[in-house]
Amino acid sequence: MAYDYSNLIEKTQHWADQACTAGWLNADNAVALQYFDTRTPEALFSSSALAMQAGTRPLIVAFMGGTGVGKSSLLNRLAGQAIAKAGIERPTSREVTLFHHRNIAIQNFPEQLPLAKISVAQHDDETKKNIVWIDMPDFDSTEHSNKALVLQWLPHIDVLVYVVSPERYRDEKAWRLLLAEGARHAWLFVLNQWDRGQDEQYADFNQQLHKAGFVAPIIFKTVCTDGPKDDEFAGLETTILSLATGHVIDQLEQRGVQVRKDELQKKLQNTAKLLGSGQTFQQVPALWQQQWRETVKLLQQGFAWPMKQTATYYAEHAADLMKNPPTQQNSLWDAWAQARFDDALDEFIGKIDEQGLPVLPFKQQIIAVREKAPKIMQTQTELAARQALVNPGNALQRVFLKGMRFAEIFLPLLAMTWVGYKVFMGYYTSNMAENHYLGVDFAIHSSLLIAMTWLIPYFILKKLQPSLQKSALKGLNKGLLNAFSVIETEVLQVVDMLVEQHKDQITQLSEIMEQCAATDGEQKAVVDSDSPLTRMLMK
């Protein structure tokens, strides 16, 4: 399925907007995905003008080259008249010269293009009626305005006739421009002033073009001097005229769209690298767990003394703890703890940055955890301390003490029952035998028995009663571990959420890249194999 280029741009811009808002892209990278050069050769002509020309726009052919290579002279020779200024003054060309049939109407000049820098000449030659010839300024000129004009016009060109001379064919500025713009246009090459050239120079120039990506570049050797000329100028003219058909123009437009899609795909691939790989993201939870283990050890050491103080406070206020909750001053999470926690998060984010992953999403999402940490610590430690004070000691202690409380009541009652029984039986027996049964020894022993059955459980309860301070300290330790676990989980939840968001970002980006490549298999079929256009395109 082929996807419209404008639709792909819209999807890319939408993705860049939301990715920037979520922090996955910085502002500079997002801006780079907001601007795309949509200028094309067909943009020079309005739909009404094309309708008047039977729906077929002209072929845009431009002569480009450095100073003094003779490109203006070539255009004059094609025109059969002096329409472009030619000379030896540097820079030779300072303006754009348009030469076209008088029935062609170019209405949509590029924005911000100074009209004063455009010279227009018209003709009535029907053989060239479907071609607009352009003489470009010297792009290697010392005048920066010349280079700006060239760059403004380049997106509107179908065929670039790259003119060099035997002395200037290795011009570095021209070569850099060729490599940068090579895939966007069809190219013809002219080695002008050949009367001063050598075969070795031609072979070297051909080899350079081959390295740049032209398998079999079309190079014409021309001479632009007065008098008879024995060169390949006629072949240059014939080749250009053969390209001025609706079929070739359609092929160039289709290739132009695919080149733009390829460039968009490459830009998106580079952007995907900025997001990091999904495999690297899977390692982030382990990074946090390692960092948190180290931080927990440090916090536990720092909490040792404050926990004892807080346990004492809880023990002293155990009776009215429900009515008077602990104040913030008694909270374990103080400025020192917050600073250590912030350090841990910052180091964690630093490790993420070292992995080449975007850190802004983590910074944005971690803020909530930074703010919640004191409350988590306060809630967990207070809850655990309250539970410890309600049920002091361990389970075995509580069972034993419960037995002692029962014994404290039951044993004295049992002793008093036994004493009462003895008194009753002694009284009954004494009446029958007329003997006295109550004596001092019995009274003392009975009193001691009753006292011992009460005092022994009471003493044991007093001595084995769990310390409220120790119970509170134990509860605080348990609450501390719970708080550490909750904080770790909170951060891991953020990490897991961001891992999923990263997957989603990569998926969206991959879908757009796949849509960019949807017509890759059609590229070779666009250009006819027997057309000279196959040799004019950079591979």
Protein backbone atom coordinates (compact mmCIF):
# COMPACT_ATOMS: atom_id res chain seq x y z
CA MET A 1 0.00 0.00 0.00
CA ALA A 2 1.39 3.44 -0.97
CA TYR A 3 1.07 6.25 1.55
CA ASP A 4 0.73 9.89 0.60
CA TYR A 5 3.80 11.90 1.55
CA SER A 6 1.78 14.72 3.07
CA ASN A 7 -0.09 12.19 5.21
CA LEU A 8 3.23 10.78 6.44
CA ILE A 9 4.43 14.27 7.32
CA GLU A 10 1.21 14.92 9.25
CA LYS A 11 1.63 11.67 11.19
CA THR A 12 5.27 12.47 11.91
CA GLN A 13 4.45 15.95 13.16
CA HIS A 14 1.67 14.61 15.38
CA TRP A 15 4.01 11.99 16.81
CA ALA A 16 6.73 14.58 17.40
CA ASP A 17 4.28 16.87 19.24
CA GLN A 18 3.12 14.23 21.70
CA ALA A 19 6.62 12.76 22.11
CA CYS A 20 7.97 16.21 22.97
CA THR A 21 5.13 16.84 25.44
CA ALA A 22 5.82 13.49 27.13
CA GLY A 23 9.54 14.24 27.26
CA TRP A 24 10.71 11.54 24.85
CA LEU A 25 12.11 14.19 22.48
CA ASN A 26 13.76 17.46 23.34
CA ALA A 27 12.53 20.64 21.71
CA ASP A 28 15.31 20.77 19.10
CA ASN A 29 14.69 17.22 17.87
CA ALA A 30 10.96 17.81 17.83
CA VAL A 31 11.40 20.96 15.72
CA ALA A 32 13.52 18.97 13.27
CA LEU A 33 10.51 16.71 12.71
CA GLN A 34 8.14 19.64 12.29
CA TYR A 35 9.78 21.19 9.24
CA PHE A 36 9.93 19.41 5.90
CA ASP A 37 10.79 20.89 2.56
CA THR A 38 7.66 20.35 0.49
CA ARG A 39 8.81 22.49 -2.43
CA THR A 40 8.60 20.65 -5.77
CA PRO A 41 8.93 21.55 -9.46
CA GLU A 42 5.16 21.25 -9.95
CA ALA A 43 4.66 23.83 -7.20
CA LEU A 44 5.80 26.54 -9.65
CA PHE A 45 2.64 26.10 -11.68
CA SER A 46 -0.94 26.72 -10.64
CA SER A 47 -3.64 24.18 -11.44
CA SER A 48 -5.31 26.66 -13.83
CA ALA A 49 -2.07 27.13 -15.72
CA LEU A 50 -1.64 23.37 -16.04
CA ALA A 51 -5.21 23.06 -17.31
CA MET A 52 -4.38 25.53 -20.06
CA GLN A 53 -1.35 23.39 -20.92
CA ALA A 54 -3.42 20.18 -21.21
CA GLY A 55 -2.48 19.11 -17.70
CA THR A 56 1.22 18.53 -18.40
CA ARG A 57 3.69 20.80 -16.70
CA PRO A 58 7.03 21.68 -18.32
CA LEU A 59 10.30 19.97 -17.51
CA ILE A 60 12.51 22.21 -15.35
CA VAL A 61 16.14 22.05 -16.49
CA ALA A 62 18.83 24.09 -14.75
CA PHE A 63 22.47 24.72 -15.59
CA MET A 64 24.56 24.66 -12.46
CA GLY A 65 28.25 25.08 -11.96
CA GLY A 66 31.08 27.12 -10.58
CA THR A 67 32.44 30.42 -11.73
CA GLY A 68 33.85 30.54 -15.25
CA VAL A 69 32.91 27.04 -16.42
CA GLY A 70 30.72 28.37 -19.25
CA LYS A 71 27.21 27.34 -18.20
CA SER A 72 25.70 30.66 -19.35
CA SER A 73 27.38 30.20 -22.70
CA LEU A 74 25.79 26.74 -22.97
CA LEU A 75 22.33 28.15 -22.32
CA ASN A 76 22.89 30.87 -24.89
CA ARG A 77 23.92 28.22 -27.40
CA LEU A 78 20.78 26.18 -26.66
CA ALA A 79 18.64 29.29 -27.04
CA GLY A 80 20.38 30.42 -30.20
CA GLN A 81 20.66 33.90 -28.70
CA ALA A 82 22.36 35.75 -25.87
CA ILE A 83 19.86 35.45 -23.03
CA ALA A 84 22.25 34.73 -20.13
CA LYS A 85 25.08 37.03 -19.17
CA ALA A 86 28.44 35.47 -19.86
CA GLY A 87 31.86 36.83 -19.08
CA ILE A 88 35.01 36.38 -17.03
CA GLU A 89 34.26 38.66 -14.09
CA ARG A 90 33.98 36.85 -10.74
CA PRO A 91 31.29 36.05 -9.95
CA THR A 92 30.02 35.73 -13.47
CA SER A 93 26.32 35.06 -12.72
CA ARG A 94 24.51 36.96 -9.99
CA GLU A 95 20.90 36.19 -10.92
CA VAL A 96 18.56 33.43 -12.05
CA THR A 97 17.77 33.46 -15.75
CA LEU A 98 14.57 31.73 -16.95
CA PHE A 99 14.15 30.85 -20.62
CA HIS A 100 10.84 29.30 -21.69
CA HIS A 101 8.08 29.27 -24.29
CA ARG A 102 5.85 32.32 -24.14
CA ASN A 103 2.76 30.14 -23.54
CA ILE A 104 4.18 28.86 -20.27
CA ALA A 105 3.02 30.78 -17.20
CA ILE A 106 5.10 30.43 -14.05
CA GLN A 107 2.91 31.93 -11.35
CA ASN A 108 4.14 30.46 -8.05
CA PHE A 109 7.64 31.74 -7.51
CA PRO A 110 9.33 30.42 -4.34
CA GLU A 111 8.52 32.39 -1.20
CA GLN A 112 10.89 35.20 -0.23
CA LEU A 113 12.66 34.88 -3.57
CA PRO A 114 13.79 38.38 -4.63
CA LEU A 115 12.11 39.01 -7.97
CA ALA A 116 14.81 41.49 -8.81
CA LYS A 117 17.18 38.52 -9.03
CA ILE A 118 15.12 36.83 -11.75
CA SER A 119 15.59 37.51 -15.44
CA VAL A 120 13.02 36.06 -17.84
CA ALA A 121 13.44 35.45 -21.57
CA GLN A 122 10.84 33.84 -23.83
CA HIS A 123 10.86 32.10 -27.21
CA ASP A 124 8.50 30.65 -29.85
CA ASP A 125 10.40 27.42 -30.60
CA GLU A 126 7.79 24.65 -30.55
CA THR A 127 10.46 21.93 -30.16
CA LYS A 128 11.36 23.38 -26.76
CA LYS A 129 7.88 24.42 -25.65
CA ASN A 130 7.71 21.89 -22.81
CA ILE A 131 10.99 22.90 -21.17
CA VAL A 132 11.88 25.71 -18.79
CA TRP A 133 15.60 26.43 -18.96
CA ILE A 134 17.27 28.05 -15.97
CA ASP A 135 20.74 29.49 -15.63
CA MET A 136 21.66 29.32 -11.94
CA PRO A 137 24.04 31.70 -10.16
CA ASP A 138 27.61 30.60 -9.47
CA PHE A 139 27.22 28.67 -6.20
CA ASP A 140 30.96 28.88 -5.43
CA SER A 141 30.78 32.66 -5.52
CA THR A 142 32.09 34.79 -2.68
CA GLU A 143 28.65 36.40 -2.56
CA HIS A 144 26.47 34.49 -0.08
CA SER A 145 23.32 35.68 -1.84
CA ASN A 146 24.28 33.56 -4.87
CA LYS A 147 24.42 30.38 -2.82
CA ALA A 148 21.12 31.28 -1.15
CA LEU A 149 19.48 31.68 -4.56
CA VAL A 150 20.79 28.30 -5.67
CA LEU A 151 19.48 26.57 -2.52
CA GLN A 152 16.08 28.23 -2.90
CA TRP A 153 15.69 27.07 -6.48
CA LEU A 154 17.10 23.54 -6.17
CA PRO A 155 13.88 21.88 -4.89
CA HIS A 156 12.06 23.20 -7.99
CA ILE A 157 14.44 21.55 -10.48
CA ASP A 158 13.83 18.28 -12.36
CA VAL A 159 17.11 17.94 -14.25
CA LEU A 160 20.39 19.54 -13.21
CA VAL A 161 22.95 20.01 -15.93
CA TYR A 162 26.17 20.05 -13.93
CA VAL A 163 28.78 22.01 -15.88
CA VAL A 164 32.51 21.76 -15.12
CA SER A 165 35.70 22.64 -16.93
CA PRO A 166 38.96 20.66 -17.16
CA GLU A 167 40.45 22.99 -14.57
CA ARG A 168 37.42 23.02 -12.21
CA TYR A 169 35.94 19.52 -12.30
CA ARG A 170 37.39 18.72 -8.85
CA ASP A 171 35.84 21.76 -7.20
CA GLU A 172 35.21 20.74 -3.57
CA LYS A 173 32.25 23.09 -2.99
CA ALA A 174 30.47 21.77 -6.06
CA TRP A 175 31.25 18.22 -5.05
CA ARG A 176 29.75 18.64 -1.57
CA LEU A 177 26.58 20.06 -3.08
CA LEU A 178 26.41 17.16 -5.54
CA LEU A 179 26.65 14.59 -2.76
CA ALA A 180 24.04 16.43 -0.65
CA GLU A 181 21.51 16.90 -3.44
CA GLY A 182 22.36 13.92 -5.64
CA ALA A 183 19.34 11.73 -4.95
CA ARG A 184 16.80 14.52 -5.35
CA HIS A 185 17.37 15.22 -9.06
CA ALA A 186 18.20 13.74 -12.42
CA TRP A 187 21.71 14.73 -13.51
CA LEU A 188 23.48 15.39 -16.80
CA PHE A 189 27.15 16.26 -16.74
CA VAL A 190 28.95 18.55 -19.13
CA LEU A 191 32.73 18.78 -19.35
CA ASN A 192 32.84 22.18 -21.04
CA GLN A 193 35.84 23.89 -22.64
CA TRP A 194 36.91 20.48 -23.83
CA ASP A 195 39.30 22.06 -26.32
CA ARG A 196 41.58 22.48 -23.30
CA GLY A 197 40.79 19.08 -21.77
CA GLN A 198 42.53 15.71 -21.76
CA ASP A 199 41.21 12.15 -21.78
CA GLU A 200 42.76 11.51 -18.36
CA GLN A 201 40.63 14.32 -16.91
CA TYR A 202 37.49 12.88 -18.46
CA ALA A 203 38.29 9.42 -17.05
CA ASP A 204 39.00 10.88 -13.62
CA PHE A 205 35.75 12.86 -13.64
CA ASN A 206 33.80 9.76 -14.68
CA GLN A 207 35.42 7.78 -11.85
CA GLN A 208 34.44 10.45 -9.32
CA LEU A 209 30.83 10.33 -10.45
CA HIS A 210 30.86 6.54 -10.26
CA LYS A 211 32.02 6.72 -6.62
CA ALA A 212 29.26 9.26 -5.89
CA GLY A 213 26.61 6.74 -6.95
CA PHE A 214 26.17 7.14 -10.71
CA VAL A 215 26.65 3.72 -12.29
CA ALA A 216 27.01 5.02 -15.86
CA PRO A 217 26.86 8.83 -15.75
CA ILE A 218 26.03 10.69 -18.97
CA ILE A 219 28.88 13.12 -19.66
CA PHE A 220 28.97 15.42 -22.67
CA LYS A 221 32.15 17.09 -23.87
CA THR A 222 31.39 20.55 -25.24
CA VAL A 223 33.22 23.58 -26.57
CA CYS A 224 31.74 27.06 -26.31
CA THR A 225 34.02 29.12 -28.49
CA ASP A 226 33.42 31.09 -31.63
CA GLY A 227 33.72 29.29 -34.92
CA PRO A 228 33.08 25.67 -35.92
CA LYS A 229 32.71 23.23 -33.00
CA ASP A 230 33.34 19.51 -33.01
CA ASP A 231 31.76 18.40 -29.71
CA GLU A 232 28.79 16.57 -28.17
CA PHE A 233 26.52 19.56 -27.72
CA ALA A 234 23.90 18.11 -30.09
CA GLY A 235 23.73 14.97 -27.94
CA LEU A 236 23.14 17.12 -24.84
CA GLU A 237 20.31 18.99 -26.53
CA THR A 238 18.74 15.82 -27.92
CA THR A 239 18.86 14.08 -24.53
CA ILE A 240 17.18 16.98 -22.77
CA LEU A 241 14.45 17.21 -25.43
CA SER A 242 13.78 13.47 -25.12
CA LEU A 243 13.06 13.96 -21.43
CA ALA A 244 10.41 16.64 -21.96
CA THR A 245 7.48 14.21 -22.00
CA GLY A 246 4.62 13.74 -19.61
CA HIS A 247 5.70 10.15 -18.97
CA VAL A 248 9.24 11.11 -17.91
CA ILE A 249 7.95 14.00 -15.82
CA ASP A 250 5.60 11.58 -14.02
CA GLN A 251 8.54 9.26 -13.40
CA LEU A 252 10.58 12.12 -11.94
CA GLU A 253 7.71 13.18 -9.71
CA GLN A 254 7.21 9.64 -8.44
CA ARG A 255 10.91 9.32 -7.72
CA GLY A 256 10.90 12.69 -5.99
CA VAL A 257 8.15 11.53 -3.67
CA GLN A 258 9.98 8.28 -2.92
CA VAL A 259 13.25 10.14 -2.25
CA ARG A 260 11.43 12.36 0.22
CA LYS A 261 9.92 9.29 1.87
CA ASP A 262 13.37 7.71 2.08
CA GLU A 263 14.76 10.88 3.66
CA LEU A 264 11.86 10.96 6.11
CA GLN A 265 12.44 7.31 6.96
CA LYS A 266 16.13 7.96 7.59
CA LYS A 267 15.30 10.93 9.79
CA LEU A 268 12.87 8.79 11.77
CA GLN A 269 15.46 6.04 12.11
CA ASN A 270 17.90 8.55 13.58
CA THR A 271 15.16 9.78 15.90
CA ALA A 272 14.44 6.21 17.03
CA LYS A 273 18.08 5.93 18.12
CA LEU A 274 17.54 8.89 20.45
CA LEU A 275 14.78 6.94 22.22
CA GLY A 276 17.06 4.02 23.02
CA SER A 277 16.37 0.34 22.46
CA GLY A 278 13.63 -1.67 24.10
CA GLN A 279 16.24 -4.15 25.33
CA THR A 280 18.08 -1.39 27.19
CA PHE A 281 14.81 -0.21 28.71
CA GLN A 282 14.20 -3.70 30.10
CA GLN A 283 17.33 -3.27 32.23
CA VAL A 284 16.05 -0.11 33.93
CA PRO A 285 14.13 -1.88 36.76
CA ALA A 286 17.31 -3.75 37.73
CA LEU A 287 19.20 -0.44 37.80
CA TRP A 288 16.69 0.99 40.26
CA GLN A 289 16.66 -2.10 42.48
CA GLN A 290 20.44 -2.02 42.73
CA GLN A 291 20.45 1.70 43.52
CA TRP A 292 17.66 1.32 46.09
CA ARG A 293 19.41 -1.51 47.94
CA GLU A 294 22.43 0.73 48.49
CA THR A 295 20.20 3.61 49.60
CA VAL A 296 18.23 1.43 52.02
CA LYS A 297 21.44 0.43 53.82
CA LEU A 298 22.38 4.08 54.20
CA LEU A 299 18.92 5.08 55.41
CA GLN A 300 18.79 2.24 57.94
CA GLN A 301 22.06 3.42 59.43
CA GLY A 302 20.80 6.98 59.61
CA PHE A 303 17.47 5.98 61.14
CA ALA A 304 19.00 3.98 64.04
CA TRP A 305 19.01 6.84 66.56
CA PRO A 306 15.79 8.63 65.42
CA MET A 307 13.93 5.31 65.65
CA LYS A 308 14.91 4.90 69.30
CA GLN A 309 13.73 8.41 70.03
CA THR A 310 10.47 7.83 68.18
CA ALA A 311 9.94 4.50 69.96
CA THR A 312 10.31 6.25 73.32
CA TYR A 313 7.78 8.85 72.25
CA TYR A 314 5.30 6.16 71.21
CA ALA A 315 5.80 4.26 74.48
CA GLU A 316 5.25 7.37 76.58
CA HIS A 317 2.11 8.35 74.68
CA ALA A 318 0.71 4.88 74.12
CA ALA A 319 -2.37 5.56 76.26
CA ASP A 320 -3.54 8.57 74.28
CA LEU A 321 -1.99 7.69 70.93
CA MET A 322 -5.35 7.43 69.21
CA LYS A 323 -6.44 10.83 70.45
CA ASN A 324 -3.12 12.57 69.76
CA PRO A 325 -1.46 11.28 66.57
CA PRO A 326 2.30 11.80 66.38
CA THR A 327 3.38 15.19 65.13
CA GLN A 328 5.58 15.72 62.10
CA GLN A 329 8.49 16.42 64.46
CA ASN A 330 8.35 12.77 65.47
CA SER A 331 8.44 11.55 61.86
CA LEU A 332 11.49 9.54 60.85
CA TRP A 333 11.56 11.10 57.37
CA ASP A 334 13.46 14.32 57.92
CA ALA A 335 15.46 16.63 55.65
CA TRP A 336 18.44 14.27 55.76
CA ALA A 337 16.34 11.29 54.63
CA GLN A 338 14.75 13.34 51.85
CA ALA A 339 18.17 14.45 50.65
CA ARG A 340 19.43 10.85 50.55
CA PHE A 341 16.30 9.77 48.68
CA ASP A 342 16.71 12.61 46.18
CA ASP A 343 20.34 11.61 45.70
CA ALA A 344 19.27 8.03 44.97
CA LEU A 345 16.75 9.16 42.36
CA ASP A 346 19.26 11.52 40.78
CA GLU A 347 21.89 8.79 40.57
CA PHE A 348 19.29 6.46 39.09
CA ILE A 349 18.41 9.03 36.43
CA GLY A 350 22.12 9.53 35.78
CA LYS A 351 22.52 5.81 35.13
CA ILE A 352 19.57 5.94 32.74
CA ASP A 353 21.27 8.78 30.89
CA GLU A 354 24.47 6.73 30.66
CA GLN A 355 22.46 4.01 28.92
CA GLY A 356 21.53 6.49 26.20
CA LEU A 357 17.86 6.63 27.22
CA PRO A 358 15.69 9.77 27.46
CA VAL A 359 15.68 11.00 31.05
CA LEU A 360 12.99 13.67 30.90
CA PRO A 361 10.05 11.20 31.14
CA PHE A 362 11.63 9.75 34.28
CA LYS A 363 12.21 13.17 35.79
CA GLN A 364 8.61 14.15 35.15
CA GLN A 365 7.08 10.98 36.56
CA ILE A 366 9.43 10.62 39.55
CA ILE A 367 8.37 13.99 40.96
CA ALA A 368 5.22 12.44 42.44
CA VAL A 369 7.25 9.73 44.18
CA ARG A 370 9.62 12.33 45.63
CA GLU A 371 6.67 14.09 47.20
CA LYS A 372 4.95 10.92 48.42
CA ALA A 373 7.98 9.38 50.16
CA PRO A 374 7.59 11.27 53.52
CA LYS A 375 3.89 10.37 53.70
CA ILE A 376 4.60 6.72 52.87
CA MET A 377 7.20 6.53 55.62
CA GLN A 378 4.96 8.27 58.17
CA THR A 379 1.94 6.10 57.35
CA GLN A 380 3.76 2.76 57.36
CA THR A 381 5.83 3.34 60.52
CA GLU A 382 2.91 4.77 62.51
CA LEU A 383 0.61 1.93 61.49
CA ALA A 384 3.19 -0.71 62.39
CA ALA A 385 3.96 0.99 65.73
CA ARG A 386 0.27 1.15 66.66
CA GLN A 387 -0.17 -2.51 65.80
CA ALA A 388 2.90 -3.40 67.88
CA LEU A 389 1.60 -1.45 70.89
CA VAL A 390 -1.81 -3.10 70.64
CA ASN A 391 -0.17 -6.54 70.61
CA PRO A 392 3.17 -6.15 72.43
CA GLY A 393 5.70 -8.97 72.51
CA ASN A 394 5.64 -12.09 70.42
CA ALA A 395 2.88 -14.66 70.08
CA LEU A 396 4.32 -17.04 72.71
CA GLN A 397 4.63 -14.20 75.22
CA ARG A 398 1.07 -13.12 74.63
CA VAL A 399 -0.28 -16.66 75.14
CA PHE A 400 1.75 -17.13 78.33
CA LEU A 401 0.73 -13.76 79.78
CA LYS A 402 -2.89 -14.48 78.99
CA GLY A 403 -2.53 -17.68 81.01
CA MET A 404 -0.97 -15.73 83.87
CA ARG A 405 -3.87 -13.27 83.91
CA PHE A 406 -6.27 -16.20 84.13
CA ALA A 407 -4.16 -17.77 86.87
CA GLU A 408 -4.06 -14.45 88.76
CA ILE A 409 -7.86 -14.71 89.19
CA PHE A 410 -8.45 -18.44 89.16
CA LEU A 411 -5.74 -19.60 91.59
CA PRO A 412 -6.74 -17.27 94.47
CA LEU A 413 -10.37 -18.33 93.96
CA LEU A 414 -9.33 -21.96 93.97
CA ALA A 415 -7.27 -21.44 97.16
CA MET A 416 -10.11 -19.63 98.87
CA THR A 417 -12.47 -22.43 97.85
CA TRP A 418 -10.16 -25.02 99.31
CA VAL A 419 -9.73 -23.00 102.53
CA GLY A 420 -13.48 -22.56 102.80
CA TYR A 421 -13.98 -26.26 102.29
CA LYS A 422 -11.48 -27.03 105.01
CA VAL A 423 -13.14 -24.57 107.38
CA PHE A 424 -16.56 -26.04 106.78
CA MET A 425 -15.40 -29.64 107.13
CA GLY A 426 -13.37 -28.81 110.23
CA TYR A 427 -16.29 -27.06 111.84
CA TYR A 428 -18.58 -29.97 111.07
CA THR A 429 -16.09 -32.50 112.43
CA SER A 430 -15.37 -30.47 115.54
CA ASN A 431 -19.03 -30.35 116.49
CA MET A 432 -19.30 -34.08 116.25
CA ALA A 433 -16.17 -34.68 118.29
CA GLU A 434 -16.43 -31.55 120.47
CA ASN A 435 -12.91 -30.52 119.43
CA HIS A 436 -11.58 -27.07 118.52
CA TYR A 437 -10.47 -26.99 114.84
CA LEU A 438 -9.37 -23.39 114.23
CA GLY A 439 -5.83 -22.68 115.18
CA VAL A 440 -3.21 -20.07 114.54
CA ASP A 441 -1.21 -22.29 112.20
CA PHE A 442 -4.19 -23.00 110.02
CA ALA A 443 -5.06 -19.30 109.75
CA ILE A 444 -1.51 -18.35 108.86
CA HIS A 445 -1.10 -21.14 106.35
CA SER A 446 -4.46 -20.43 104.75
CA SER A 447 -3.67 -16.73 104.42
CA LEU A 448 -0.26 -17.51 102.95
CA LEU A 449 -1.78 -19.93 100.43
CA ILE A 450 -4.30 -17.41 99.23
CA ALA A 451 -1.68 -14.67 99.07
CA MET A 452 0.78 -16.87 97.16
CA THR A 453 -1.80 -17.94 94.59
CA TRP A 454 -2.38 -14.27 93.82
CA LEU A 455 1.12 -12.83 94.22
CA ILE A 456 2.94 -15.38 92.09
CA PRO A 457 0.90 -14.72 88.85
CA TYR A 458 0.92 -11.01 89.64
CA PHE A 459 4.72 -11.01 89.99
CA ILE A 460 5.17 -13.00 86.81
CA LEU A 461 2.88 -10.62 84.91
CA LYS A 462 4.85 -7.65 86.16
CA LYS A 463 8.24 -9.11 85.33
CA LEU A 464 7.36 -10.62 81.94
CA GLN A 465 5.23 -7.71 80.68
CA PRO A 466 6.72 -6.71 77.25
CA SER A 467 8.40 -3.32 77.12
CA LEU A 468 6.29 -0.79 75.23
CA GLN A 469 9.44 0.91 73.99
CA LYS A 470 10.83 -2.34 72.63
CA SER A 471 7.48 -3.17 71.07
CA ALA A 472 7.27 0.27 69.47
CA LEU A 473 10.85 -0.08 68.20
CA LYS A 474 10.03 -3.48 66.75
CA GLY A 475 6.95 -2.03 65.08
CA LEU A 476 8.94 0.87 63.72
CA ASN A 477 11.50 -1.51 62.21
CA LYS A 478 8.71 -3.46 60.56
CA GLY A 479 7.07 -0.25 59.32
CA LEU A 480 10.42 0.97 58.03
CA LEU A 481 10.87 -2.14 55.92
CA ASN A 482 7.29 -1.85 54.68
CA ALA A 483 7.88 1.78 53.73
CA PHE A 484 11.07 0.88 51.87
CA SER A 485 9.16 -1.80 49.98
CA VAL A 486 6.31 0.58 49.10
CA ILE A 487 8.71 3.29 47.89
CA GLU A 488 10.61 0.76 45.78
CA THR A 489 7.34 -0.48 44.31
CA GLU A 490 6.18 3.08 43.55
CA VAL A 491 9.34 3.74 41.53
CA LEU A 492 9.13 0.36 39.78
CA GLN A 493 5.54 1.11 38.79
CA VAL A 494 6.71 4.36 37.23
CA VAL A 495 9.50 2.49 35.45
CA ASP A 496 7.11 -0.20 34.18
CA MET A 497 4.71 2.47 32.95
CA LEU A 498 7.53 4.25 31.09
CA VAL A 499 8.74 0.97 29.60
CA GLU A 500 5.26 0.48 28.14
CA GLN A 501 5.14 4.09 26.94
CA HIS A 502 8.52 3.60 25.28
CA LYS A 503 7.22 0.50 23.50
CA ASP A 504 4.24 2.52 22.31
CA GLN A 505 6.47 5.36 21.05
CA ILE A 506 8.71 2.93 19.17
CA THR A 507 5.66 1.15 17.72
CA GLN A 508 4.18 4.40 16.41
CA LEU A 509 7.53 5.41 14.95
CA SER A 510 8.04 2.00 13.34
CA GLU A 511 4.61 2.15 11.73
CA ILE A 512 5.43 5.48 10.08
CA MET A 513 8.81 4.13 8.90
CA GLU A 514 7.12 1.05 7.46
CA GLN A 515 4.68 3.30 5.62
CA CYS A 516 7.61 5.31 4.24
CA ALA A 517 9.12 2.11 2.88
CA ALA A 518 5.84 0.77 1.54
CA THR A 519 6.73 1.63 -2.08
CA ASP A 520 10.39 0.59 -1.94
CA GLY A 521 9.72 -2.43 -4.12
CA GLU A 522 8.14 -0.24 -6.79
CA GLN A 523 11.10 2.08 -7.23
CA LYS A 524 12.87 0.16 -10.00
CA ALA A 525 9.65 -0.18 -11.97
CA VAL A 526 9.09 3.60 -11.98
CA VAL A 527 11.88 4.39 -14.48
CA ASP A 528 11.87 2.69 -17.88
CA SER A 529 14.97 0.56 -18.35
CA ASP A 530 15.59 1.91 -21.87
CA SER A 531 15.28 5.55 -20.83
CA PRO A 532 18.41 7.73 -20.40
CA LEU A 533 16.85 8.63 -17.06
CA THR A 534 18.20 5.36 -15.62
CA ARG A 535 21.75 6.70 -16.05
CA MET A 536 20.88 10.14 -14.68
CA LEU A 537 19.76 9.04 -11.23
CA MET A 538 22.04 8.46 -8.27
CA LYS A 539 21.70 4.93 -6.90
